[in-house]
Amino acid sequence: MRAKSKVMKKWQTVVPRKIRETTGISVGDTLTWRYDAGMIVVEPPKKIINPSEKLFGLVPSSRDAVKEVRRVRKKRAEKMRAESLH
C-alpha cells in the first residue's frame, strides 16, 4: 500500500488515513523512522493484543507483584544510568 503526505512547517507530516486504519496507529503512538538503502521507512509501534497474557507468570506467585515490578524498574533505571555514563 502506498500513500502520500506533505511535509509541513516544523517538519511535521500526517499519516494518511488508509495507513492509520490498516496499521492501527493511534494519537500518541511513537513511530520509528529509519533510512534503509535509499528509502525512508516508517514503522508503527508493535502492539500487544492482550497485555495481561504477556504479563502472566512473570512474577512467581510467592512474591508480591508490585514490589517485584518496582525492583525490576529500579534495576532497569540503574542499568540505563550506567550506560549513559559511558
C-alpha atoms as a PDB file:
ATOM      1  CA  MET A   1       0.000   0.000   0.000  1.00  0.00           C
ATOM      2  CA  ARG A   2       1.276   3.469  -0.856  1.00  0.00           C
ATOM      3  CA  ALA A   3       0.036   6.875   0.185  1.00  0.00           C
ATOM      4  CA  LYS A   4       1.384  10.412   0.086  1.00  0.00           C
ATOM      5  CA  SER A   5       1.642  13.126   2.703  1.00  0.00           C
ATOM      6  CA  LYS A   6       3.152  16.583   2.635  1.00  0.00           C
ATOM      7  CA  VAL A   7       5.920  17.825   4.937  1.00  0.00           C
ATOM      8  CA  MET A   8       4.645  20.936   6.716  1.00  0.00           C
ATOM      9  CA  LYS A   9       6.225  23.605   8.904  1.00  0.00           C
ATOM     10  CA  LYS A  10       8.378  22.251  11.702  1.00  0.00           C
ATOM     11  CA  TRP A  11       8.888  19.107   9.563  1.00  0.00           C
ATOM     12  CA  GLN A  12       5.506  17.661  10.518  1.00  0.00           C
ATOM     13  CA  THR A  13       3.528  15.296   8.317  1.00  0.00           C
ATOM     14  CA  VAL A  14       0.184  13.497   8.526  1.00  0.00           C
ATOM     15  CA  VAL A  15      -0.133   9.724   8.477  1.00  0.00           C
ATOM     16  CA  PRO A  16      -2.622   9.028   5.683  1.00  0.00           C
ATOM     17  CA  ARG A  17      -5.979   7.601   6.803  1.00  0.00           C
ATOM     18  CA  LYS A  18      -5.588   4.292   4.909  1.00  0.00           C
ATOM     19  CA  ILE A  19      -2.226   3.707   6.587  1.00  0.00           C
ATOM     20  CA  ARG A  20      -3.539   4.701  10.063  1.00  0.00           C
ATOM     21  CA  GLU A  21      -6.543   2.422   9.787  1.00  0.00           C
ATOM     22  CA  THR A  22      -4.610  -0.521   8.383  1.00  0.00           C
ATOM     23  CA  THR A  23      -1.835  -0.353  10.978  1.00  0.00           C
ATOM     24  CA  GLY A  24      -3.926   0.728  13.960  1.00  0.00           C
ATOM     25  CA  ILE A  25      -1.820   3.838  14.613  1.00  0.00           C
ATOM     26  CA  SER A  26      -3.378   5.993  17.339  1.00  0.00           C
ATOM     27  CA  VAL A  27      -2.820   9.524  18.638  1.00  0.00           C
ATOM     28  CA  GLY A  28       0.205   9.472  20.934  1.00  0.00           C
ATOM     29  CA  ASP A  29       1.851   6.435  19.321  1.00  0.00           C
ATOM     30  CA  THR A  30       5.574   6.655  18.619  1.00  0.00           C
ATOM     31  CA  LEU A  31       6.627   5.807  15.082  1.00  0.00           C
ATOM     32  CA  THR A  32      10.110   4.526  14.292  1.00  0.00           C
ATOM     33  CA  TRP A  33      11.817   6.140  11.315  1.00  0.00           C
ATOM     34  CA  ARG A  34      14.823   4.675   9.534  1.00  0.00           C
ATOM     35  CA  TYR A  35      16.720   5.238   6.330  1.00  0.00           C
ATOM     36  CA  ASP A  36      17.428   1.988   4.511  1.00  0.00           C
ATOM     37  CA  ALA A  37      19.001   1.615   1.064  1.00  0.00           C
ATOM     38  CA  GLY A  38      17.731   4.957  -0.210  1.00  0.00           C
ATOM     39  CA  MET A  39      14.251   4.578   1.276  1.00  0.00           C
ATOM     40  CA  ILE A  40      12.664   6.178   4.326  1.00  0.00           C
ATOM     41  CA  VAL A  41      10.800   3.507   6.278  1.00  0.00           C
ATOM     42  CA  VAL A  42       8.270   4.418   8.973  1.00  0.00           C
ATOM     43  CA  GLU A  43       7.360   1.599  11.330  1.00  0.00           C
ATOM     44  CA  PRO A  44       4.235   1.619  13.519  1.00  0.00           C
ATOM     45  CA  PRO A  45       4.567   0.585  17.161  1.00  0.00           C
ATOM     46  CA  LYS A  46       4.328  -3.088  17.942  1.00  0.00           C
ATOM     47  CA  LYS A  47       1.083  -3.524  19.841  1.00  0.00           C
ATOM     48  CA  ILE A  48       0.388  -6.311  22.271  1.00  0.00           C
ATOM     49  CA  ILE A  49      -3.015  -7.798  21.540  1.00  0.00           C
ATOM     50  CA  ASN A  50      -3.699  -8.869  25.125  1.00  0.00           C
ATOM     51  CA  PRO A  51      -1.168  -7.277  27.508  1.00  0.00           C
ATOM     52  CA  SER A  52      -2.316  -9.221  30.559  1.00  0.00           C
ATOM     53  CA  GLU A  53      -1.479 -12.524  28.854  1.00  0.00           C
ATOM     54  CA  LYS A  54       2.078 -11.288  28.234  1.00  0.00           C
ATOM     55  CA  LEU A  55       2.453 -10.489  31.940  1.00  0.00           C
ATOM     56  CA  PHE A  56       1.017 -13.739  33.285  1.00  0.00           C
ATOM     57  CA  GLY A  57       3.649 -15.840  35.004  1.00  0.00           C
ATOM     58  CA  LEU A  58       6.403 -13.213  35.013  1.00  0.00           C
ATOM     59  CA  VAL A  59       6.314 -12.914  38.798  1.00  0.00           C
ATOM     60  CA  PRO A  60       6.322 -16.124  40.834  1.00  0.00           C
ATOM     61  CA  SER A  61       3.167 -16.316  42.933  1.00  0.00           C
ATOM     62  CA  SER A  62       5.166 -16.470  46.180  1.00  0.00           C
ATOM     63  CA  ARG A  63       6.351 -12.842  45.713  1.00  0.00           C
ATOM     64  CA  ASP A  64       4.487  -9.533  45.848  1.00  0.00           C
ATOM     65  CA  ALA A  65       3.927  -8.464  42.220  1.00  0.00           C
ATOM     66  CA  VAL A  66       4.015  -4.708  42.964  1.00  0.00           C
ATOM     67  CA  LYS A  67       7.336  -4.996  44.824  1.00  0.00           C
ATOM     68  CA  GLU A  68       8.748  -7.138  42.033  1.00  0.00           C
ATOM     69  CA  VAL A  69       7.751  -4.613  39.354  1.00  0.00           C
ATOM     70  CA  ARG A  70       9.366  -1.811  41.374  1.00  0.00           C
ATOM     71  CA  ARG A  71      12.538  -3.892  41.761  1.00  0.00           C
ATOM     72  CA  VAL A  72      12.732  -4.575  38.016  1.00  0.00           C
ATOM     73  CA  ARG A  73      12.104  -0.908  37.154  1.00  0.00           C
ATOM     74  CA  LYS A  74      14.814   0.220  39.591  1.00  0.00           C
ATOM     75  CA  LYS A  75      17.271  -2.291  38.119  1.00  0.00           C
ATOM     76  CA  ARG A  76      16.438  -1.129  34.576  1.00  0.00           C
ATOM     77  CA  ALA A  77      16.870   2.549  35.539  1.00  0.00           C
ATOM     78  CA  GLU A  78      20.252   1.811  37.141  1.00  0.00           C
ATOM     79  CA  LYS A  79      21.374  -0.021  34.010  1.00  0.00           C
ATOM     80  CA  MET A  80      20.278   2.860  31.751  1.00  0.00           C
ATOM     81  CA  ARG A  81      22.013   5.375  34.022  1.00  0.00           C
ATOM     82  CA  ALA A  82      25.243   3.333  33.936  1.00  0.00           C
ATOM     83  CA  GLU A  83      25.073   3.056  30.124  1.00  0.00           C
ATOM     84  CA  SER A  84      24.556   6.800  29.735  1.00  0.00           C
ATOM     85  CA  LEU A  85      27.757   7.488  31.713  1.00  0.00           C
ATOM     86  CA  HIS A  86      29.881   5.543  29.219  1.00  0.00           C
END
